[in-house]
C-alpha atoms as a PDB file:
ATOM      1  CA  MET A   1       1.021  12.669  14.179  1.00  0.00           C
ATOM      2  CA  LYS A   2       1.727  14.204  10.615  1.00  0.00           C
ATOM      3  CA  LEU A   3       0.325  12.547   7.849  1.00  0.00           C
ATOM      4  CA  PRO A   4       0.337  12.003   4.944  1.00  0.00           C
ATOM      5  CA  GLY A   5       2.916  14.637   3.985  1.00  0.00           C
ATOM      6  CA  ARG A   6       4.155  14.406   0.391  1.00  0.00           C
ATOM      7  CA  ILE A   7       2.595  11.202  -1.422  1.00  0.00           C
ATOM      8  CA  ALA A   8       4.383   9.179  -4.051  1.00  0.00           C
ATOM      9  CA  ILE A   9       2.735   6.428  -6.042  1.00  0.00           C
ATOM     10  CA  MET A  10       5.410   3.647  -6.870  1.00  0.00           C
ATOM     11  CA  GLY A  11       4.584   1.723  -9.999  1.00  0.00           C
ATOM     12  CA  GLY A  12       2.872   2.559 -13.298  1.00  0.00           C
ATOM     13  CA  GLY A  13       0.545  -0.424 -13.812  1.00  0.00           C
ATOM     14  CA  SER A  14      -3.163  -0.606 -13.627  1.00  0.00           C
ATOM     15  CA  TRP A  15      -3.496  -0.981  -9.945  1.00  0.00           C
ATOM     16  CA  ALA A  16      -0.922   1.954  -9.452  1.00  0.00           C
ATOM     17  CA  THR A  17      -3.301   3.803 -11.848  1.00  0.00           C
ATOM     18  CA  ALA A  18      -6.383   3.049  -9.936  1.00  0.00           C
ATOM     19  CA  ILE A  19      -4.590   4.064  -6.662  1.00  0.00           C
ATOM     20  CA  ALA A  20      -3.473   7.244  -8.418  1.00  0.00           C
ATOM     21  CA  LYS A  21      -7.039   7.869  -9.373  1.00  0.00           C
ATOM     22  CA  MET A  22      -8.213   7.672  -5.465  1.00  0.00           C
ATOM     23  CA  VAL A  23      -5.476   9.718  -4.300  1.00  0.00           C
ATOM     24  CA  SER A  24      -5.971  12.528  -6.968  1.00  0.00           C
ATOM     25  CA  MET A  25      -9.519  13.088  -5.518  1.00  0.00           C
ATOM     26  CA  THR A  26      -8.279  13.496  -2.057  1.00  0.00           C
ATOM     27  CA  GLN A  27      -4.991  15.112  -2.503  1.00  0.00           C
ATOM     28  CA  PRO A  28      -3.935  18.395  -4.285  1.00  0.00           C
ATOM     29  CA  ASN A  29      -1.024  16.950  -5.737  1.00  0.00           C
ATOM     30  CA  PHE A  30       1.270  14.093  -5.450  1.00  0.00           C
ATOM     31  CA  ASN A  31       4.469  12.382  -7.179  1.00  0.00           C
ATOM     32  CA  TRP A  32       4.513   9.637  -9.312  1.00  0.00           C
ATOM     33  CA  TYR A  33       7.238   6.909 -10.171  1.00  0.00           C
ATOM     34  CA  MET A  34       7.391   5.225 -13.155  1.00  0.00           C
ATOM     35  CA  ARG A  35      10.480   3.119 -14.624  1.00  0.00           C
ATOM     36  CA  ARG A  36       9.936   3.987 -18.370  1.00  0.00           C
ATOM     37  CA  PRO A  37      10.498   7.593 -19.681  1.00  0.00           C
ATOM     38  CA  GLU A  38       8.544   7.167 -22.600  1.00  0.00           C
ATOM     39  CA  GLN A  39       5.411   6.157 -20.600  1.00  0.00           C
ATOM     40  CA  ILE A  40       5.824   9.428 -18.832  1.00  0.00           C
ATOM     41  CA  GLU A  41       6.011  11.259 -21.865  1.00  0.00           C
ATOM     42  CA  ASP A  42       2.886  10.012 -23.512  1.00  0.00           C
ATOM     43  CA  PHE A  43       1.241  10.373 -19.982  1.00  0.00           C
ATOM     44  CA  GLN A  44       2.236  14.033 -19.857  1.00  0.00           C
ATOM     45  CA  THR A  45       1.132  14.590 -23.546  1.00  0.00           C
ATOM     46  CA  PHE A  46      -2.286  12.807 -23.139  1.00  0.00           C
ATOM     47  CA  GLY A  47      -3.169  13.064 -19.791  1.00  0.00           C
ATOM     48  CA  ARG A  48      -3.734   9.492 -19.168  1.00  0.00           C
ATOM     49  CA  ASN A  49      -1.728   6.475 -18.829  1.00  0.00           C
ATOM     50  CA  PRO A  50      -1.012   5.160 -22.108  1.00  0.00           C
ATOM     51  CA  PHE A  51      -0.890   1.439 -21.483  1.00  0.00           C
ATOM     52  CA  TYR A  52      -3.079   0.893 -18.022  1.00  0.00           C
ATOM     53  CA  LEU A  53      -6.691   2.090 -17.573  1.00  0.00           C
ATOM     54  CA  SER A  54      -6.223   4.488 -20.446  1.00  0.00           C
ATOM     55  CA  ALA A  55      -9.851   5.954 -20.043  1.00  0.00           C
ATOM     56  CA  VAL A  56      -8.903   7.491 -16.839  1.00  0.00           C
ATOM     57  CA  GLN A  57      -8.001  11.078 -17.281  1.00  0.00           C
ATOM     58  CA  PHE A  58      -5.542  13.012 -15.087  1.00  0.00           C
ATOM     59  CA  ASP A  59      -4.849  16.592 -14.512  1.00  0.00           C
ATOM     60  CA  THR A  60      -0.955  16.218 -14.899  1.00  0.00           C
ATOM     61  CA  ALA A  61      -0.238  19.771 -13.683  1.00  0.00           C
ATOM     62  CA  ASN A  62      -0.800  18.232 -10.220  1.00  0.00           C
ATOM     63  CA  ILE A  63       1.637  15.371 -10.794  1.00  0.00           C
ATOM     64  CA  ASN A  64       5.560  15.313 -10.491  1.00  0.00           C
ATOM     65  CA  PHE A  65       6.620  12.288 -12.477  1.00  0.00           C
ATOM     66  CA  TYR A  66       9.832  10.679 -11.696  1.00  0.00           C
ATOM     67  CA  THR A  67      11.993   7.761 -13.421  1.00  0.00           C
ATOM     68  CA  ASN A  68      14.677   7.991 -10.613  1.00  0.00           C
ATOM     69  CA  ILE A  69      13.569   6.235  -7.416  1.00  0.00           C
ATOM     70  CA  ASN A  70      16.075   7.934  -5.157  1.00  0.00           C
ATOM     71  CA  GLU A  71      14.624  11.378  -6.333  1.00  0.00           C
ATOM     72  CA  VAL A  72      11.048  10.384  -5.827  1.00  0.00           C
ATOM     73  CA  VAL A  73      11.855   8.700  -2.430  1.00  0.00           C
ATOM     74  CA  LYS A  74      14.006  11.886  -1.410  1.00  0.00           C
ATOM     75  CA  ASN A  75      11.074  14.048  -2.426  1.00  0.00           C
ATOM     76  CA  SER A  76       8.050  12.006  -0.693  1.00  0.00           C
ATOM     77  CA  ASP A  77       6.898  11.331   3.134  1.00  0.00           C
ATOM     78  CA  THR A  78       4.742   8.542   2.175  1.00  0.00           C
ATOM     79  CA  LEU A  79       5.107   6.033  -0.563  1.00  0.00           C
ATOM     80  CA  ILE A  80       2.459   4.076  -1.949  1.00  0.00           C
ATOM     81  CA  PHE A  81       3.954   0.989  -3.422  1.00  0.00           C
ATOM     82  CA  ALA A  82       1.885  -0.836  -6.275  1.00  0.00           C
ATOM     83  CA  ILE A  83       4.828  -2.490  -8.096  1.00  0.00           C
ATOM     84  CA  PRO A  84       4.180  -6.262  -8.646  1.00  0.00           C
ATOM     85  CA  SER A  85       5.949  -8.439  -6.127  1.00  0.00           C
ATOM     86  CA  PRO A  86       8.243 -10.212  -8.543  1.00  0.00           C
ATOM     87  CA  PHE A  87       9.780  -6.865  -9.489  1.00  0.00           C
ATOM     88  CA  LEU A  88       9.785  -4.992  -6.086  1.00  0.00           C
ATOM     89  CA  LYS A  89      13.102  -6.207  -5.374  1.00  0.00           C
ATOM     90  CA  CYS A  90      14.811  -4.888  -8.548  1.00  0.00           C
ATOM     91  CA  HIS A  91      13.291  -1.523  -8.292  1.00  0.00           C
ATOM     92  CA  LEU A  92      14.706  -1.103  -4.461  1.00  0.00           C
ATOM     93  CA  GLU A  93      18.072  -2.438  -5.334  1.00  0.00           C
ATOM     94  CA  ARG A  94      18.699   1.062  -6.956  1.00  0.00           C
ATOM     95  CA  LEU A  95      17.855   2.873  -3.900  1.00  0.00           C
ATOM     96  CA  ASP A  96      20.238   4.538  -2.148  1.00  0.00           C
ATOM     97  CA  VAL A  97      18.356   6.825   0.094  1.00  0.00           C
ATOM     98  CA  SER A  98      17.070   5.720   3.548  1.00  0.00           C
ATOM     99  CA  LEU A  99      13.373   4.605   4.075  1.00  0.00           C
ATOM    100  CA  LYS A 100      13.481   4.803   7.759  1.00  0.00           C
ATOM    101  CA  GLU A 101      11.859   7.884   8.249  1.00  0.00           C
ATOM    102  CA  LYS A 102       9.132   7.144   5.366  1.00  0.00           C
ATOM    103  CA  VAL A 103       5.694   5.775   5.673  1.00  0.00           C
ATOM    104  CA  VAL A 104       5.519   2.913   3.279  1.00  0.00           C
ATOM    105  CA  ILE A 105       1.887   1.644   2.296  1.00  0.00           C
ATOM    106  CA  SER A 106       1.920  -1.453   0.395  1.00  0.00           C
ATOM    107  CA  ALA A 107      -0.936  -1.967  -2.012  1.00  0.00           C
ATOM    108  CA  ILE A 108       1.062  -5.116  -3.368  1.00  0.00           C
ATOM    109  CA  LYS A 109      -1.059  -8.361  -3.053  1.00  0.00           C
ATOM    110  CA  GLY A 110       1.938 -10.340  -3.381  1.00  0.00           C
ATOM    111  CA  ILE A 111       4.928 -11.994  -1.892  1.00  0.00           C
ATOM    112  CA  VAL A 112       8.595 -11.338  -2.474  1.00  0.00           C
ATOM    113  CA  PRO A 113       9.830 -14.471  -4.236  1.00  0.00           C
ATOM    114  CA  ASP A 114      13.211 -16.127  -3.376  1.00  0.00           C
ATOM    115  CA  GLU A 115      13.148 -14.126   0.122  1.00  0.00           C
ATOM    116  CA  ASN A 116       9.564 -15.603   0.965  1.00  0.00           C
ATOM    117  CA  LEU A 117       8.608 -12.491   2.910  1.00  0.00           C
ATOM    118  CA  ILE A 118       5.533 -10.820   2.780  1.00  0.00           C
ATOM    119  CA  ILE A 119       5.913  -7.111   1.926  1.00  0.00           C
ATOM    120  CA  SER A 120       5.774  -5.531   5.504  1.00  0.00           C
ATOM    121  CA  ASP A 121       8.407  -8.189   6.659  1.00  0.00           C
ATOM    122  CA  TYR A 122      10.453  -7.223   3.589  1.00  0.00           C
ATOM    123  CA  PHE A 123      10.460  -3.720   4.287  1.00  0.00           C
ATOM    124  CA  THR A 124      11.222  -4.314   8.054  1.00  0.00           C
ATOM    125  CA  GLU A 125      13.883  -6.846   7.649  1.00  0.00           C
ATOM    126  CA  ILE A 126      15.578  -5.454   4.801  1.00  0.00           C
ATOM    127  CA  TYR A 127      15.344  -1.646   5.035  1.00  0.00           C
ATOM    128  CA  GLY A 128      14.789  -1.257   8.706  1.00  0.00           C
ATOM    129  CA  LEU A 129      11.300   0.391   8.771  1.00  0.00           C
ATOM    130  CA  PRO A 130       9.616   0.587  12.126  1.00  0.00           C
ATOM    131  CA  GLU A 131       6.392  -1.664  12.166  1.00  0.00           C
ATOM    132  CA  GLU A 132       4.334   1.422  12.817  1.00  0.00           C
ATOM    133  CA  ASN A 133       5.587   2.687   9.663  1.00  0.00           C
ATOM    134  CA  ILE A 134       4.389   0.179   7.363  1.00  0.00           C
ATOM    135  CA  VAL A 135       0.652   0.026   6.168  1.00  0.00           C
ATOM    136  CA  VAL A 136      -1.238  -2.314   4.104  1.00  0.00           C
ATOM    137  CA  VAL A 137      -4.113  -2.156   1.788  1.00  0.00           C
ATOM    138  CA  GLY A 138      -6.417  -5.140   1.001  1.00  0.00           C
ATOM    139  CA  GLY A 139     -10.007  -6.057   0.123  1.00  0.00           C
ATOM    140  CA  PRO A 140     -12.172  -6.615  -2.913  1.00  0.00           C
ATOM    141  CA  CYS A 141     -11.120  -3.903  -5.276  1.00  0.00           C
ATOM    142  CA  HIS A 142     -10.327  -4.666  -8.883  1.00  0.00           C
ATOM    143  CA  ALA A 143      -8.591  -1.656 -10.647  1.00  0.00           C
ATOM    144  CA  GLU A 144     -10.856  -1.850 -13.641  1.00  0.00           C
ATOM    145  CA  GLU A 145     -13.933  -1.282 -11.222  1.00  0.00           C
ATOM    146  CA  VAL A 146     -12.044   1.672  -9.758  1.00  0.00           C
ATOM    147  CA  ALA A 147     -11.598   3.360 -13.221  1.00  0.00           C
ATOM    148  CA  MET A 148     -15.284   3.056 -13.790  1.00  0.00           C
ATOM    149  CA  GLU A 149     -15.967   4.551 -10.436  1.00  0.00           C
ATOM    150  CA  ARG A 150     -17.911   1.165  -9.337  1.00  0.00           C
ATOM    151  CA  LEU A 151     -18.640   1.142  -5.553  1.00  0.00           C
ATOM    152  CA  SER A 152     -15.452  -0.821  -3.935  1.00  0.00           C
ATOM    153  CA  TYR A 153     -14.320  -1.454  -0.300  1.00  0.00           C
ATOM    154  CA  LEU A 154     -10.444  -1.013   0.958  1.00  0.00           C
ATOM    155  CA  THR A 155      -9.292  -2.164   4.416  1.00  0.00           C
ATOM    156  CA  ILE A 156      -6.173  -0.335   5.464  1.00  0.00           C
ATOM    157  CA  GLY A 157      -4.295  -2.153   7.886  1.00  0.00           C
ATOM    158  CA  CYS A 158      -1.524  -0.864  10.510  1.00  0.00           C
ATOM    159  CA  SER A 159      -0.384  -1.871  13.880  1.00  0.00           C
ATOM    160  CA  ASN A 160      -0.567   1.891  14.740  1.00  0.00           C
ATOM    161  CA  GLU A 161      -4.823   2.262  14.479  1.00  0.00           C
ATOM    162  CA  GLU A 162      -4.418   6.049  14.433  1.00  0.00           C
ATOM    163  CA  ARG A 163      -2.269   6.038  11.540  1.00  0.00           C
ATOM    164  CA  ALA A 164      -4.507   3.758   9.625  1.00  0.00           C
ATOM    165  CA  GLN A 165      -7.700   5.883  10.414  1.00  0.00           C
ATOM    166  CA  ILE A 166      -5.590   8.903   9.157  1.00  0.00           C
ATOM    167  CA  LEU A 167      -4.382   7.434   5.942  1.00  0.00           C
ATOM    168  CA  ALA A 168      -7.842   5.368   5.255  1.00  0.00           C
ATOM    169  CA  GLY A 169      -8.844   9.006   4.377  1.00  0.00           C
ATOM    170  CA  MET A 170      -6.607   9.389   1.482  1.00  0.00           C
ATOM    171  CA  PHE A 171      -8.477   6.411  -0.079  1.00  0.00           C
ATOM    172  CA  ASN A 172     -11.958   7.226   0.601  1.00  0.00           C
ATOM    173  CA  THR A 173     -13.944   8.852  -2.144  1.00  0.00           C
ATOM    174  CA  ARG A 174     -17.584   8.853  -3.260  1.00  0.00           C
ATOM    175  CA  PHE A 175     -17.222   5.551  -4.710  1.00  0.00           C
ATOM    176  CA  VAL A 176     -14.715   3.912  -2.543  1.00  0.00           C
ATOM    177  CA  LYS A 177     -15.217   3.013   1.270  1.00  0.00           C
ATOM    178  CA  THR A 178     -12.486   2.353   3.725  1.00  0.00           C
ATOM    179  CA  SER A 179     -12.332   0.621   6.996  1.00  0.00           C
ATOM    180  CA  THR A 180      -9.199  -0.052   9.333  1.00  0.00           C
ATOM    181  CA  SER A 181      -7.404  -3.107  10.901  1.00  0.00           C
ATOM    182  CA  ILE A 182      -4.404  -3.850  12.928  1.00  0.00           C
ATOM    183  CA  ASP A 183      -4.167  -7.270  11.283  1.00  0.00           C
ATOM    184  CA  VAL A 184      -1.295  -6.344   8.928  1.00  0.00           C
ATOM    185  CA  ILE A 185      -0.062  -9.970   8.664  1.00  0.00           C
ATOM    186  CA  GLY A 186      -3.511 -11.602   8.108  1.00  0.00           C
ATOM    187  CA  ILE A 187      -4.467  -9.207   5.469  1.00  0.00           C
ATOM    188  CA  GLU A 188      -1.216  -9.621   3.493  1.00  0.00           C
ATOM    189  CA  TYR A 189      -1.457 -13.473   3.476  1.00  0.00           C
ATOM    190  CA  ALA A 190      -5.024 -13.224   2.601  1.00  0.00           C
ATOM    191  CA  SER A 191      -4.101 -11.314  -0.345  1.00  0.00           C
ATOM    192  CA  VAL A 192      -1.471 -13.611  -1.344  1.00  0.00           C
ATOM    193  CA  LEU A 193      -3.835 -16.835  -0.697  1.00  0.00           C
ATOM    194  CA  LYS A 194      -6.810 -15.564  -2.735  1.00  0.00           C
ATOM    195  CA  ASN A 195      -4.844 -15.186  -5.947  1.00  0.00           C
ATOM    196  CA  ILE A 196      -3.746 -18.670  -5.383  1.00  0.00           C
ATOM    197  CA  TYR A 197      -7.385 -19.959  -4.970  1.00  0.00           C
ATOM    198  CA  ALA A 198      -8.234 -17.884  -8.157  1.00  0.00           C
ATOM    199  CA  ILE A 199      -6.091 -19.726 -10.114  1.00  0.00           C
ATOM    200  CA  VAL A 200      -7.448 -23.150  -9.321  1.00  0.00           C
ATOM    201  CA  SER A 201     -10.889 -21.482  -9.923  1.00  0.00           C
ATOM    202  CA  GLY A 202      -9.658 -20.705 -13.077  1.00  0.00           C
ATOM    203  CA  ILE A 203      -8.213 -23.966 -13.730  1.00  0.00           C
ATOM    204  CA  CYS A 204     -11.726 -25.710 -12.593  1.00  0.00           C
ATOM    205  CA  HIS A 205     -13.397 -23.063 -15.131  1.00  0.00           C
ATOM    206  CA  GLY A 206     -11.112 -23.952 -17.893  1.00  0.00           C
ATOM    207  CA  LEU A 207     -11.937 -27.824 -17.312  1.00  0.00           C
ATOM    208  CA  LYS A 208     -15.509 -27.156 -17.503  1.00  0.00           C
ATOM    209  CA  TYR A 209     -16.485 -27.825 -13.818  1.00  0.00           C
ATOM    210  CA  GLY A 210     -19.565 -25.653 -13.093  1.00  0.00           C
ATOM    211  CA  ASP A 211     -20.675 -23.083 -10.626  1.00  0.00           C
ATOM    212  CA  ASN A 212     -21.949 -25.791  -7.857  1.00  0.00           C
ATOM    213  CA  PHE A 213     -18.520 -27.391  -7.903  1.00  0.00           C
ATOM    214  CA  GLN A 214     -16.809 -23.951  -7.777  1.00  0.00           C
ATOM    215  CA  ALA A 215     -19.095 -22.715  -4.649  1.00  0.00           C
ATOM    216  CA  VAL A 216     -17.610 -25.931  -2.738  1.00  0.00           C
ATOM    217  CA  LEU A 217     -14.246 -25.040  -3.858  1.00  0.00           C
ATOM    218  CA  ILE A 218     -14.327 -21.533  -2.407  1.00  0.00           C
ATOM    219  CA  SER A 219     -15.905 -22.929   0.901  1.00  0.00           C
ATOM    220  CA  ASN A 220     -13.136 -25.068   1.287  1.00  0.00           C
ATOM    221  CA  ALA A 221     -10.597 -22.445   0.083  1.00  0.00           C
ATOM    222  CA  ILE A 222     -11.702 -19.916   2.909  1.00  0.00           C
ATOM    223  CA  GLU A 223     -11.220 -22.716   5.345  1.00  0.00           C
ATOM    224  CA  GLU A 224      -7.808 -23.308   4.295  1.00  0.00           C
ATOM    225  CA  MET A 225      -6.990 -19.675   3.975  1.00  0.00           C
ATOM    226  CA  ASP A 226      -8.104 -19.319   7.746  1.00  0.00           C
ATOM    227  CA  ARG A 227      -5.876 -22.354   8.851  1.00  0.00           C
ATOM    228  CA  PHE A 228      -2.979 -20.952   7.438  1.00  0.00           C
ATOM    229  CA  ILE A 229      -3.546 -17.471   8.575  1.00  0.00           C
ATOM    230  CA  GLN A 230      -4.234 -18.495  12.160  1.00  0.00           C
ATOM    231  CA  ALA A 231      -0.940 -20.155  12.018  1.00  0.00           C
ATOM    232  CA  ALA A 232       1.037 -17.428  10.865  1.00  0.00           C
ATOM    233  CA  ASN A 233      -0.761 -14.690  13.043  1.00  0.00           C
ATOM    234  CA  PRO A 234      -3.005 -16.207  15.791  1.00  0.00           C
ATOM    235  CA  VAL A 235      -5.035 -13.124  16.457  1.00  0.00           C
ATOM    236  CA  GLU A 236      -9.045 -12.768  16.808  1.00  0.00           C
ATOM    237  CA  ARG A 237     -10.307 -11.808  13.325  1.00  0.00           C
ATOM    238  CA  ASN A 238     -13.603 -12.302  11.281  1.00  0.00           C
ATOM    239  CA  ILE A 239     -12.234 -14.510   8.231  1.00  0.00           C
ATOM    240  CA  TYR A 240     -15.523 -13.804   6.518  1.00  0.00           C
ATOM    241  CA  GLY A 241     -14.895 -10.226   6.375  1.00  0.00           C
ATOM    242  CA  SER A 242     -14.690  -8.266   3.023  1.00  0.00           C
ATOM    243  CA  VAL A 243     -10.649  -8.178   3.178  1.00  0.00           C
ATOM    244  CA  TYR A 244     -10.389 -11.803   3.455  1.00  0.00           C
ATOM    245  CA  LEU A 245     -13.523 -13.836   2.313  1.00  0.00           C
ATOM    246  CA  GLY A 246     -14.650 -10.885   0.031  1.00  0.00           C
ATOM    247  CA  ASP A 247     -11.389 -10.353  -1.667  1.00  0.00           C
ATOM    248  CA  LEU A 248     -11.183 -14.191  -2.238  1.00  0.00           C
ATOM    249  CA  LEU A 249     -14.790 -14.185  -3.985  1.00  0.00           C
ATOM    250  CA  VAL A 250     -14.004 -11.289  -6.277  1.00  0.00           C
ATOM    251  CA  THR A 251     -10.635 -12.531  -7.095  1.00  0.00           C
ATOM    252  CA  ALA A 252     -12.031 -16.109  -7.797  1.00  0.00           C
ATOM    253  CA  TYR A 253     -15.233 -15.021 -10.024  1.00  0.00           C
ATOM    254  CA  SER A 254     -14.490 -11.855 -11.629  1.00  0.00           C
ATOM    255  CA  ARG A 255     -13.824 -11.423 -15.246  1.00  0.00           C
ATOM    256  CA  PHE A 256     -11.351  -8.917 -14.400  1.00  0.00           C
ATOM    257  CA  SER A 257      -9.150 -11.352 -12.327  1.00  0.00           C
ATOM    258  CA  ARG A 258      -5.651 -11.939 -13.996  1.00  0.00           C
ATOM    259  CA  ASN A 259      -5.161 -14.960 -11.508  1.00  0.00           C
ATOM    260  CA  ARG A 260      -8.446 -16.481 -12.668  1.00  0.00           C
ATOM    261  CA  ILE A 261      -7.842 -15.845 -16.609  1.00  0.00           C
ATOM    262  CA  PHE A 262      -4.080 -17.577 -15.907  1.00  0.00           C
ATOM    263  CA  GLY A 263      -5.607 -20.593 -14.477  1.00  0.00           C
ATOM    264  CA  SER A 264      -8.511 -20.876 -16.999  1.00  0.00           C
ATOM    265  CA  MET A 265      -5.642 -21.209 -19.475  1.00  0.00           C
ATOM    266  CA  ILE A 266      -3.884 -23.751 -17.619  1.00  0.00           C
ATOM    267  CA  GLY A 267      -7.128 -25.595 -17.351  1.00  0.00           C
ATOM    268  CA  LYS A 268      -7.543 -25.379 -21.382  1.00  0.00           C
ATOM    269  CA  GLY A 269      -4.529 -26.990 -21.983  1.00  0.00           C
ATOM    270  CA  TYR A 270      -1.949 -24.098 -21.995  1.00  0.00           C
ATOM    271  CA  SER A 271       1.495 -24.379 -20.544  1.00  0.00           C
ATOM    272  CA  VAL A 272       2.365 -22.387 -17.951  1.00  0.00           C
ATOM    273  CA  LYS A 273       4.844 -20.355 -20.015  1.00  0.00           C
ATOM    274  CA  THR A 274       2.509 -20.108 -22.717  1.00  0.00           C
ATOM    275  CA  ALA A 275      -0.102 -18.559 -20.578  1.00  0.00           C
ATOM    276  CA  GLN A 276       2.267 -16.081 -19.111  1.00  0.00           C
ATOM    277  CA  LEU A 277       3.154 -15.005 -22.535  1.00  0.00           C
ATOM    278  CA  GLU A 278      -0.095 -14.484 -23.862  1.00  0.00           C
ATOM    279  CA  MET A 279      -1.485 -12.844 -20.709  1.00  0.00           C
ATOM    280  CA  GLU A 280       1.219 -10.039 -21.070  1.00  0.00           C
ATOM    281  CA  MET A 281       0.129  -9.194 -17.231  1.00  0.00           C
ATOM    282  CA  ILE A 282       1.525 -10.515 -14.235  1.00  0.00           C
ATOM    283  CA  ALA A 283      -0.618 -13.378 -12.343  1.00  0.00           C
ATOM    284  CA  GLU A 284       0.935 -12.890  -8.664  1.00  0.00           C
ATOM    285  CA  GLY A 285      -0.672 -16.270  -7.727  1.00  0.00           C
ATOM    286  CA  TYR A 286       2.053 -18.060  -9.731  1.00  0.00           C
ATOM    287  CA  TYR A 287       4.806 -16.759  -7.588  1.00  0.00           C
ATOM    288  CA  GLY A 288       2.796 -16.926  -4.421  1.00  0.00           C
ATOM    289  CA  THR A 289       2.106 -20.363  -4.931  1.00  0.00           C
ATOM    290  CA  LYS A 290       5.692 -21.510  -4.380  1.00  0.00           C
ATOM    291  CA  CYS A 291       6.249 -18.911  -1.739  1.00  0.00           C
ATOM    292  CA  ILE A 292       3.471 -20.222   0.415  1.00  0.00           C
ATOM    293  CA  HIS A 293       4.344 -23.955  -0.334  1.00  0.00           C
ATOM    294  CA  GLU A 294       7.873 -23.303   0.858  1.00  0.00           C
ATOM    295  CA  ILE A 295       6.547 -21.465   3.984  1.00  0.00           C
ATOM    296  CA  ASN A 296       4.045 -23.900   4.966  1.00  0.00           C
ATOM    297  CA  GLN A 297       6.524 -26.595   4.563  1.00  0.00           C
ATOM    298  CA  GLN A 298       9.430 -24.678   6.759  1.00  0.00           C
ATOM    299  CA  LYS A 299       7.300 -23.225   9.378  1.00  0.00           C
ATOM    300  CA  TYR A 300       3.728 -24.148   9.891  1.00  0.00           C
ATOM    301  CA  ASN A 301       2.697 -27.656   8.204  1.00  0.00           C
ATOM    302  CA  VAL A 302      -0.796 -26.357   7.821  1.00  0.00           C
ATOM    303  CA  ASN A 303      -3.045 -28.891   5.867  1.00  0.00           C
ATOM    304  CA  MET A 304      -3.463 -27.566   2.626  1.00  0.00           C
ATOM    305  CA  PRO A 305      -4.454 -29.629  -0.085  1.00  0.00           C
ATOM    306  CA  ILE A 306      -5.899 -26.721  -2.470  1.00  0.00           C
ATOM    307  CA  LEU A 307      -2.467 -24.938  -2.460  1.00  0.00           C
ATOM    308  CA  GLU A 308      -0.704 -28.283  -2.900  1.00  0.00           C
ATOM    309  CA  THR A 309      -2.839 -29.039  -5.819  1.00  0.00           C
ATOM    310  CA  VAL A 310      -1.917 -25.837  -7.668  1.00  0.00           C
ATOM    311  CA  TYR A 311       1.770 -26.252  -6.683  1.00  0.00           C
ATOM    312  CA  SER A 312       1.712 -29.828  -8.403  1.00  0.00           C
ATOM    313  CA  VAL A 313       0.416 -28.163 -11.606  1.00  0.00           C
ATOM    314  CA  LEU A 314       2.044 -25.093 -11.721  1.00  0.00           C
ATOM    315  CA  TYR A 315       5.561 -26.377 -10.614  1.00  0.00           C
ATOM    316  CA  GLU A 316       5.756 -30.013 -10.914  1.00  0.00           C
ATOM    317  CA  ARG A 317       4.048 -30.143 -14.253  1.00  0.00           C
ATOM    318  CA  LYS A 318       1.248 -32.474 -13.099  1.00  0.00           C
ATOM    319  CA  SER A 319      -1.541 -32.819 -15.525  1.00  0.00           C
ATOM    320  CA  ALA A 320      -4.679 -30.544 -14.181  1.00  0.00           C
ATOM    321  CA  VAL A 321      -7.286 -33.379 -14.939  1.00  0.00           C
ATOM    322  CA  PRO A 322      -6.192 -35.758 -12.488  1.00  0.00           C
ATOM    323  CA  ALA A 323      -4.962 -33.169 -10.241  1.00  0.00           C
ATOM    324  CA  ILE A 324      -8.189 -31.642  -9.806  1.00  0.00           C
ATOM    325  CA  ARG A 325     -10.399 -34.834  -9.753  1.00  0.00           C
ATOM    326  CA  LYS A 326      -8.256 -35.946  -6.974  1.00  0.00           C
ATOM    327  CA  LEU A 327      -8.987 -32.641  -5.013  1.00  0.00           C
ATOM    328  CA  THR A 328     -12.842 -33.122  -5.691  1.00  0.00           C
ATOM    329  CA  GLU A 329     -12.475 -36.456  -3.620  1.00  0.00           C
ATOM    330  CA  LEU A 330     -11.538 -34.588  -0.422  1.00  0.00           C
ATOM    331  CA  PHE A 331     -14.281 -32.195  -0.491  1.00  0.00           C
ATOM    332  CA  LYS A 332     -17.873 -32.651   1.007  1.00  0.00           C
END
């Protein structure tokens, strides 16, 4: 099995930069696709991403930068996508090079809006990638902590276990430990759901609920996550593993969590639009909330009171105060 071949990082944000840092420690050189030419120009001048994780230095002599998605795909074998899910579709719409012979690694912890598809299903259904050519990256791993080289853990998921193990080595550094899994669907849905639950955790923080309630909230959230994932992909898994519960915990509690920050602003009285504008970053859970709400209504009908509470606040413009109060009455 010839892997990973020529590597390409797809995206120019903080998570893409963190992944590039890992890859730069295990690969002699790699390709990097960014949309904005001025970002690449500054990067080449200063040896760092001018907009995200700018303390991380790179040897740009080992990086081939591209602004043309067709050129980078043509010149790469393995593509690591770290583009925020709301923008993935518009980037790929410019693609006229086939992806069928490529290995696609999704480090996107989101879902494709409008299509209501997790990333693996999107690449399979729209671009015809074989299931074994799609890999997902999950687990509790904030970009900011990777930048500071704090110990982190990632799970590499693929239906082809041998492929997952080979690709895990690409991310394995002295401060990032990796494991593998065949639960691609479960990992992806967990990555979407934990962002939603981080938003409600932030809302409760903004409303001055304390740590005691947060513990109860997250206990109920992992149960809700388990119910949904089991309905979507009924296989044996340990929902308390780091790629499920661990990622939920760090996203719900960490000061680096943009979904928690977004929720906290809502809890403090910001409108959704104002919170989005002031953050200047993408809170994936905002889009994931609508997608999972619709998927659940159309396919699974799982009991998901936490999800529905977040949906009512973000999309039905319900007041957060009574919505959360009503939610507290369901918990024990």
